[in-house]
Protein backbone atom coordinates (compact mmCIF):
# COMPACT_ATOMS: atom_id res chain seq x y z
CA MET A 1 -16.91 -112.36 30.93
CA THR A 2 -15.80 -112.90 34.52
CA VAL A 3 -14.07 -116.24 35.12
CA SER A 4 -15.95 -118.36 37.65
CA ILE A 5 -13.84 -120.44 40.03
CA ALA A 6 -15.22 -122.89 42.57
CA VAL A 7 -13.60 -124.75 45.45
CA ALA A 8 -14.88 -128.28 46.01
CA LYS A 9 -15.42 -129.96 49.35
CA GLU A 10 -13.16 -133.00 49.66
CA THR A 11 -14.89 -136.38 49.83
CA ALA A 12 -11.94 -138.79 50.14
CA ALA A 13 -11.86 -140.69 53.42
CA GLY A 14 -9.55 -139.07 55.95
CA GLU A 15 -8.91 -135.97 53.84
CA LYS A 16 -8.87 -132.83 55.98
CA ARG A 17 -7.27 -130.37 53.57
CA VAL A 18 -9.08 -127.73 51.52
CA ALA A 19 -7.94 -126.27 48.20
CA MET A 20 -8.42 -122.63 49.14
CA VAL A 21 -7.90 -120.77 52.42
CA PRO A 22 -9.34 -117.33 53.24
CA LYS A 23 -6.02 -115.49 53.04
CA VAL A 24 -5.32 -116.71 49.52
CA ALA A 25 -8.98 -116.38 48.48
CA ALA A 26 -8.77 -112.65 49.24
CA LYS A 27 -5.91 -112.33 46.75
CA LEU A 28 -7.67 -114.42 44.14
CA THR A 29 -10.84 -112.31 44.14
CA LYS A 30 -8.77 -109.27 43.11
CA MET A 31 -8.23 -110.92 39.72
CA ASP A 32 -11.75 -110.28 38.39
CA VAL A 33 -12.95 -113.79 39.19
CA ALA A 34 -16.17 -114.97 40.80
CA LEU A 35 -15.05 -117.28 43.60
CA THR A 36 -17.44 -119.80 45.15
CA VAL A 37 -16.51 -122.11 48.03
CA ALA A 38 -18.52 -125.20 48.93
CA LYS A 39 -20.12 -124.90 52.36
CA GLY A 40 -18.14 -126.81 54.96
CA ALA A 41 -15.14 -127.20 52.65
CA GLY A 42 -12.73 -125.90 55.27
CA GLU A 43 -14.28 -127.38 58.42
CA ALA A 44 -11.84 -130.29 58.68
CA SER A 45 -8.98 -127.78 58.42
CA ARG A 46 -10.53 -125.74 61.23
CA ILE A 47 -11.59 -123.04 58.75
CA PRO A 48 -15.25 -122.09 59.37
CA ASP A 49 -17.39 -120.84 56.49
CA GLU A 50 -17.56 -117.34 57.95
CA SER A 51 -13.78 -117.00 57.55
CA TYR A 52 -14.31 -116.51 53.82
CA GLU A 53 -15.22 -112.85 53.35
CA GLU A 54 -17.07 -111.15 50.52
CA PRO A 55 -16.96 -111.24 47.57
CA VAL A 56 -16.42 -114.98 48.15
CA VAL A 57 -19.75 -116.82 47.82
CA LEU A 58 -20.60 -119.93 49.83
CA SER A 59 -22.74 -122.62 48.20
CA GLY A 60 -24.22 -125.88 49.40
CA ARG A 61 -25.24 -126.96 45.91
CA ALA A 62 -22.99 -129.36 44.00
CA ASP A 63 -24.37 -128.19 40.65
CA GLU A 64 -23.19 -124.64 41.39
CA ILE A 65 -19.72 -125.79 42.39
CA TYR A 66 -19.16 -128.08 39.43
CA SER A 67 -20.64 -125.74 36.82
CA ALA A 68 -17.82 -123.20 37.31
CA ASN A 69 -15.28 -122.44 34.60
CA VAL A 70 -12.52 -123.67 36.93
CA VAL A 71 -12.89 -126.20 39.77
CA LEU A 72 -10.15 -126.36 42.41
CA ALA A 73 -9.69 -129.41 44.63
CA VAL A 74 -7.05 -131.28 46.58
CA ASN A 75 -8.02 -134.68 45.18
CA ALA A 76 -9.84 -135.41 41.95
CA PRO A 77 -13.65 -135.28 42.36
CA GLU A 78 -15.76 -138.42 42.19
CA ILE A 79 -17.03 -139.59 38.79
CA LYS A 80 -20.57 -138.31 39.44
CA GLN A 81 -19.14 -134.89 40.26
CA ILE A 82 -16.96 -134.77 37.14
CA GLU A 83 -20.08 -135.54 35.12
CA LYS A 84 -21.62 -132.32 36.46
CA MET A 85 -18.75 -130.22 35.04
CA LYS A 86 -19.29 -128.16 31.89
CA LYS A 87 -17.62 -129.28 28.69
CA GLY A 88 -14.47 -127.25 28.22
CA SER A 89 -14.22 -126.38 31.90
CA VAL A 90 -11.02 -126.81 33.91
CA LEU A 91 -10.11 -128.99 36.89
CA VAL A 92 -6.95 -128.28 38.89
CA SER A 93 -6.15 -130.89 41.53
CA PHE A 94 -4.04 -133.91 42.34
CA VAL A 95 -5.25 -136.78 40.15
CA GLN A 96 -2.63 -139.57 40.16
CA GLY A 97 -3.93 -140.64 36.76
CA HIS A 98 -1.66 -143.71 36.62
CA ASN A 99 -3.70 -145.21 39.45
CA ASN A 100 -7.16 -143.80 38.65
CA PRO A 101 -8.24 -144.85 35.14
CA ASP A 102 -11.94 -144.30 35.89
CA VAL A 103 -11.28 -140.67 36.81
CA VAL A 104 -9.20 -140.16 33.67
CA ASP A 105 -11.94 -141.74 31.52
CA ALA A 106 -14.54 -139.42 33.04
CA LEU A 107 -12.38 -136.35 32.39
CA VAL A 108 -11.88 -137.40 28.77
CA LYS A 109 -15.54 -138.26 28.14
CA ASN A 110 -16.75 -134.99 29.68
CA ASN A 111 -14.20 -132.92 27.76
CA VAL A 112 -12.66 -131.43 30.90
CA THR A 113 -9.25 -129.81 30.70
CA CYS A 114 -7.42 -131.15 33.72
CA PHE A 115 -4.15 -129.86 35.10
CA ALA A 116 -2.79 -132.44 37.54
CA MET A 117 -0.74 -130.85 40.30
CA GLU A 118 1.54 -133.89 40.57
CA LEU A 119 2.62 -133.25 36.97
CA ILE A 120 3.94 -129.73 37.60
CA PRO A 121 7.51 -129.89 36.26
CA ARG A 122 10.28 -129.45 38.80
CA ILE A 123 11.92 -126.46 37.15
CA SER A 124 12.97 -123.19 38.78
CA ARG A 125 10.06 -121.16 37.38
CA ALA A 126 7.54 -123.65 38.73
CA GLN A 127 8.85 -123.90 42.30
CA SER A 128 6.08 -121.69 43.67
CA MET A 129 3.50 -124.03 42.10
CA ASP A 130 5.15 -127.31 43.12
CA ALA A 131 2.48 -128.83 45.34
CA LEU A 132 4.29 -132.15 45.57
CA SER A 133 7.15 -130.37 47.32
CA SER A 134 4.97 -128.24 49.59
CA GLN A 135 3.00 -131.27 50.76
CA ALA A 136 6.15 -133.38 51.08
CA ASN A 137 7.55 -130.78 53.48
CA ALA A 138 4.51 -131.32 55.69
CA ALA A 139 4.84 -135.09 55.41
CA GLY A 140 8.51 -135.16 56.34
CA TYR A 141 8.01 -132.90 59.33
CA LYS A 142 5.10 -134.94 60.67
CA ALA A 143 6.92 -138.24 60.09
CA ALA A 144 9.71 -137.17 62.45
CA LEU A 145 7.16 -136.19 65.09
CA ILE A 146 5.33 -139.50 64.76
CA ALA A 147 8.59 -141.38 65.15
CA ALA A 148 9.52 -139.33 68.22
CA ASN A 149 6.09 -139.82 69.78
CA ALA A 150 5.98 -143.56 69.07
CA LEU A 151 9.43 -144.20 70.53
CA GLU A 152 9.41 -144.95 74.22
CA ARG A 153 12.78 -143.25 74.47
CA PHE A 154 14.23 -139.74 74.50
CA LEU A 155 15.51 -138.39 71.20
CA PRO A 156 18.11 -135.90 72.50
CA MET A 157 21.06 -136.62 74.72
CA LEU A 158 20.18 -135.86 78.33
CA THR A 159 22.52 -135.44 81.24
CA THR A 160 20.71 -135.99 84.51
CA ALA A 161 21.51 -136.80 88.12
CA ALA A 162 20.58 -140.37 87.23
CA GLY A 163 23.18 -140.48 84.49
CA THR A 164 23.62 -139.58 80.84
CA ILE A 165 21.22 -140.81 78.17
CA ARG A 166 22.69 -141.07 74.70
CA PRO A 167 20.77 -139.53 71.76
CA ALA A 168 18.49 -141.76 69.73
CA LYS A 169 19.62 -142.76 66.24
CA VAL A 170 17.23 -141.91 63.42
CA LEU A 171 17.78 -143.23 59.89
CA VAL A 172 15.96 -141.48 57.01
CA ILE A 173 15.85 -143.39 53.73
CA GLY A 174 15.31 -141.11 50.74
CA ALA A 175 16.67 -137.56 50.59
CA GLY A 176 13.96 -135.88 48.56
CA VAL A 177 11.91 -133.00 49.97
CA ALA A 178 10.13 -135.17 52.56
CA GLY A 179 13.31 -136.94 53.58
CA LEU A 180 15.29 -133.74 54.02
CA GLN A 181 12.51 -132.23 56.12
CA ALA A 182 12.41 -135.39 58.26
CA ILE A 183 16.19 -135.17 58.71
CA ALA A 184 16.00 -131.51 59.69
CA THR A 185 13.14 -132.07 62.15
CA ALA A 186 14.71 -135.12 63.80
CA GLY A 187 17.94 -133.17 64.11
CA ARG A 188 16.17 -130.24 65.78
CA LEU A 189 14.68 -132.71 68.25
CA GLY A 190 18.19 -133.73 69.22
CA ALA A 191 18.54 -137.13 67.56
CA LYS A 192 21.68 -138.42 65.88
CA VAL A 193 20.49 -138.54 62.28
CA TYR A 194 21.66 -140.60 59.33
CA GLY A 195 20.44 -140.12 55.76
CA TYR A 196 20.59 -142.41 52.76
CA ASP A 197 19.68 -142.04 49.11
CA VAL A 198 20.80 -143.95 46.03
CA ARG A 199 21.35 -140.54 44.42
CA THR A 200 24.79 -139.67 45.76
CA GLU A 201 24.28 -136.08 44.63
CA THR A 202 22.10 -135.61 47.72
CA LYS A 203 25.07 -136.19 50.05
CA GLU A 204 25.82 -132.48 50.37
CA GLN A 205 22.19 -131.63 51.18
CA VAL A 206 22.01 -134.32 53.87
CA GLU A 207 25.27 -133.24 55.45
CA SER A 208 24.26 -129.57 55.35
CA LEU A 209 21.47 -130.49 57.79
CA GLY A 210 23.94 -132.01 60.23
CA ALA A 211 23.22 -135.63 59.35
CA GLU A 212 25.67 -138.32 58.31
CA PHE A 213 25.25 -139.61 54.76
CA LEU A 214 25.40 -143.38 54.35
CA VAL A 215 26.98 -144.84 51.22
CA ALA A 216 26.45 -148.25 49.68
CA GLU A 217 29.68 -148.80 47.80
CA GLY A 218 29.27 -148.92 44.03
CA VAL A 219 25.57 -147.96 43.99
CA LYS A 220 24.57 -144.80 42.11
CA ALA A 221 21.10 -144.36 40.66
CA GLU A 222 20.49 -140.81 39.48
CA ALA A 223 17.86 -140.55 36.74
CA GLU A 224 16.32 -137.81 34.64
CA GLY A 225 14.12 -135.31 36.46
CA GLY A 226 15.82 -135.63 39.83
CA TYR A 227 14.26 -139.01 40.64
CA ALA A 228 15.96 -142.34 41.21
CA ARG A 229 16.16 -145.09 38.59
CA GLU A 230 15.42 -148.75 39.26
CA LEU A 231 18.43 -150.54 40.72
CA THR A 232 20.00 -153.70 39.30
CA ASP A 233 19.80 -156.90 41.37
CA GLU A 234 23.45 -156.58 42.38
CA GLU A 235 22.98 -152.95 43.42
CA LYS A 236 19.89 -153.85 45.40
CA ALA A 237 21.84 -156.52 47.31
CA LYS A 238 24.61 -154.07 48.22
CA GLN A 239 22.10 -151.43 49.22
CA GLN A 240 20.07 -153.78 51.38
CA GLN A 241 23.05 -155.17 53.22
CA MET A 242 24.29 -151.69 54.10
CA LEU A 243 20.83 -150.56 55.14
CA ALA A 244 20.18 -153.72 57.15
CA ASP A 245 23.36 -153.17 59.14
CA ASN A 246 22.47 -149.54 59.88
CA MET A 247 18.81 -150.26 60.61
CA ALA A 248 19.86 -152.82 63.20
CA ASP A 249 21.46 -150.00 65.15
CA ALA A 250 18.72 -147.39 64.65
CA ASP A 251 15.97 -146.46 67.10
CA ALA A 252 13.72 -145.05 64.36
CA VAL A 253 13.64 -145.43 60.60
CA ILE A 254 11.71 -143.13 58.24
CA THR A 255 11.31 -144.24 54.61
CA THR A 256 10.33 -141.76 51.89
CA ALA A 257 11.30 -143.39 48.57
CA ALA A 258 8.74 -143.05 45.78
CA VAL A 259 8.78 -143.29 41.98
CA PRO A 260 6.04 -141.22 40.26
CA GLY A 261 3.39 -143.34 38.57
CA ARG A 262 4.79 -146.62 39.88
CA PRO A 263 4.48 -148.69 43.05
CA ALA A 264 6.82 -147.66 45.86
CA PRO A 265 10.12 -149.58 45.73
CA LYS A 266 10.43 -152.28 48.36
CA ILE A 267 13.55 -151.35 50.33
CA VAL A 268 12.93 -152.81 53.78
CA SER A 269 12.36 -156.55 54.01
CA LYS A 270 10.80 -158.54 56.82
CA ALA A 271 14.26 -159.87 57.69
CA MET A 272 15.60 -156.32 58.01
CA VAL A 273 12.78 -155.39 60.38
CA GLU A 274 13.50 -158.46 62.47
CA ARG A 275 17.07 -157.26 62.97
CA MET A 276 15.91 -153.91 64.40
CA LYS A 277 16.17 -153.08 68.09
CA PRO A 278 13.34 -154.06 70.43
CA GLY A 279 11.05 -151.04 70.69
CA ALA A 280 12.27 -149.50 67.42
CA VAL A 281 9.84 -147.61 65.15
CA LEU A 282 9.50 -147.45 61.35
CA VAL A 283 7.43 -144.71 59.67
CA ASP A 284 6.72 -145.47 56.00
CA LEU A 285 5.80 -142.35 53.99
CA ALA A 286 5.38 -144.44 50.84
CA ALA A 287 2.41 -146.37 52.25
CA SER A 288 -0.04 -145.00 49.65
CA GLY A 289 2.11 -146.56 46.92
CA GLY A 290 2.34 -149.93 48.64
CA GLY A 291 5.08 -148.99 51.09
CA ASN A 292 8.87 -149.15 51.14
CA CYS A 293 8.62 -151.87 53.80
CA GLU A 294 7.05 -155.19 52.89
CA LEU A 295 5.24 -155.27 56.24
CA THR A 296 3.59 -151.86 55.84
CA GLN A 297 -0.21 -151.72 55.82
CA PRO A 298 -1.69 -148.41 54.57
CA ASP A 299 -3.31 -146.39 57.36
CA GLU A 300 -2.52 -149.03 59.97
CA ILE A 301 -0.04 -149.43 62.81
CA VAL A 302 1.55 -152.89 62.56
CA THR A 303 3.56 -154.53 65.32
CA HIS A 304 6.05 -157.12 64.13
CA GLY A 305 7.86 -158.69 67.02
CA SER A 306 8.80 -155.67 69.09
CA VAL A 307 9.03 -153.23 66.16
CA THR A 308 6.17 -150.83 65.38
CA ILE A 309 5.47 -149.89 61.74
CA HIS A 310 3.36 -146.83 60.89
CA GLY A 311 1.87 -146.56 57.39
CA PRO A 312 -0.02 -143.25 57.05
CA SER A 313 -1.23 -142.84 53.46
CA ASN A 314 -2.03 -139.11 53.67
CA MET A 315 0.46 -137.50 56.01
CA PRO A 316 -0.11 -133.87 54.87
CA SER A 317 -3.74 -134.19 55.97
CA LEU A 318 -2.48 -134.55 59.55
CA LEU A 319 -1.20 -130.97 59.24
CA ALA A 320 -4.32 -129.79 57.43
CA GLU A 321 -4.14 -126.10 58.33
CA HIS A 322 -0.67 -125.34 57.04
CA ALA A 323 -0.75 -127.99 54.30
CA SER A 324 -3.93 -126.34 52.96
CA GLU A 325 -2.36 -122.89 53.17
CA MET A 326 0.68 -123.98 51.15
CA TYR A 327 -1.45 -125.85 48.62
CA ALA A 328 -3.79 -122.89 48.14
CA GLN A 329 -0.79 -120.67 47.41
CA ASN A 330 0.50 -123.25 44.90
CA LEU A 331 -2.89 -123.10 43.14
CA PHE A 332 -2.97 -119.30 43.20
CA ASN A 333 0.45 -119.14 41.56
CA PHE A 334 -0.59 -121.68 38.94
CA LEU A 335 -3.81 -119.83 38.14
CA GLN A 336 -1.76 -116.81 37.06
CA LEU A 337 -0.82 -118.86 33.97
CA ILE A 338 -4.37 -119.64 32.82
CA VAL A 339 -6.45 -116.70 34.13
CA VAL A 340 -4.96 -113.86 32.15
CA GLU A 341 -5.83 -110.24 31.42
CA GLU A 342 -7.84 -109.58 28.29
CA GLU A 343 -6.09 -107.57 25.60
CA GLY A 344 -6.62 -103.87 24.98
CA GLN A 345 -6.73 -102.76 28.65
CA ASP A 346 -3.58 -100.65 28.79
CA ASP A 347 -5.48 -97.64 30.17
CA VAL A 348 -7.53 -99.63 32.69
CA LYS A 349 -6.60 -99.61 36.37
CA PRO A 350 -5.12 -102.93 37.54
CA GLY A 351 -8.04 -103.68 39.87
CA ASP A 352 -10.60 -103.09 37.09
CA LYS A 353 -9.02 -105.20 34.38
CA LYS A 354 -11.03 -108.05 32.89
CA HIS A 355 -9.63 -111.58 32.79
CA LYS A 356 -10.23 -114.67 30.69
CA LEU A 357 -9.18 -118.32 30.56
CA ASP A 358 -6.37 -118.89 28.11
CA PHE A 359 -3.84 -121.69 27.64
CA ASP A 360 -0.40 -120.97 26.25
CA TRP A 361 0.73 -124.45 25.25
CA ASP A 362 4.22 -123.12 24.52
CA ASP A 363 4.58 -122.64 28.26
CA GLU A 364 6.50 -125.66 29.57
CA ILE A 365 4.57 -125.68 32.84
CA LEU A 366 1.14 -125.90 31.18
CA ALA A 367 2.31 -128.34 28.51
CA LYS A 368 3.67 -130.79 31.09
CA ALA A 369 0.99 -130.33 33.77
CA VAL A 370 -2.00 -130.91 31.49
CA LEU A 371 -3.50 -134.40 31.80
CA THR A 372 -6.63 -134.18 29.63
CA HIS A 373 -7.76 -131.61 27.06
CA ASP A 374 -10.26 -131.42 24.22
CA GLY A 375 -11.58 -134.91 24.90
CA LYS A 376 -8.15 -136.55 24.88
CA LEU A 377 -5.73 -137.98 27.41
CA VAL A 378 -2.64 -136.03 26.41
CA ASN A 379 -0.03 -136.89 29.04
CA GLU A 380 2.28 -139.46 27.49
CA SER A 381 3.32 -141.30 30.66
CA VAL A 382 -0.25 -141.71 31.90
CA ARG A 383 -1.46 -142.69 28.44
CA THR A 384 1.21 -145.41 28.28
CA ALA A 385 0.50 -146.62 31.82
CA LEU A 386 -3.23 -146.93 31.15
CA GLY A 387 -2.82 -148.49 27.72
CA TYR A 388 -4.47 -145.68 25.75
CA ALA A 389 -4.00 -145.71 21.99
CA GLU A 390 -1.67 -143.08 20.58
CA THR A 391 -3.45 -139.83 19.69
CA ASP A 392 -2.78 -137.89 16.51
CA GLU A 393 -2.00 -134.73 18.39
CA SER A 394 -0.81 -134.07 21.90
CA VAL A 395 -0.98 -130.89 23.91
CA ALA A 396 1.91 -132.19 26.01
CA SER A 397 4.14 -132.25 22.96
CA GLY A 398 3.39 -128.62 22.17
CA ASN A 399 0.32 -128.79 19.87
CA ASN A 400 -2.74 -126.69 20.64
CA GLY A 401 -5.13 -129.63 20.46
């Protein structure tokens, strides 16, 4: 039986992205799937309905979208939409289950198998599916542009008849994907860029982009999975003093530090902001998690003294066209793992082969990305965060559920 896949229209406030773009949809329909896209799903990304060509079907009915075998979305659907999904069907989207217990409960109660894109493991084989990284690239790039636009100063050094203007100093805190992209973009705009991360292993990456790496003496916080661990009180004091001194000399600061499933670490205090230059700008990419700066307000521009603080909570949405294109490709690559060819088709032409939904729980990517399955919340970290009782079996630990 042909696998039915549907693309939902996003309902979250301010969300402009779409989970599937026409270019990737054309590749997906070659896999013996019936692809349906919700009418108007791509409008906010400047993708009109007519851009999706046959055999893609457009539908304005929610029951048709949510009755598909697989539902694709950027953000998890609303509870009432999840309740329309068939038992045993599949949702692939960002969920942020740690912060959305009602969504997780609905997925469990409706027996929906959910693969959360933020849980894709950061291993080499999964790089093409790593939506966190693809969207972080967009966020870091846009953050540098926002900082440049908000500053009432030039970023590059300029030599004019009226004299020479020195380059602006940009400090990027956090050298993950978003931070490195912010460093690269600010550098291309001509700024003098400084990068900081508690993970000293990122020093080489920062310096390879032409930035200077700042070091807080005696502070090292590498943790499993490439993320940073929580700092001790003494380490925090050393870090903050070093950052405060460098922030006081910076024209723009971009913060990108985030810990999955936990509130964003508070790195920039009110006192540190008050030491910044008049007219300086701070762009906080961790606003959705509470912000790295204690003065950050999600989706607001705050002025404290003469310093402006930007707290966009969904930066990739501001680059909806390309962010959607990258996300759609991430989904397409992931779907190759669960929409597989049926057996016994060795003599069938590739374009005529039948496909089915199948989950290989021995695959590390599927085992770690699955959030709910067979009426259970199976991801250990989310289960612990939400206080779920231990289950007898767990897909995430390798059982078939």
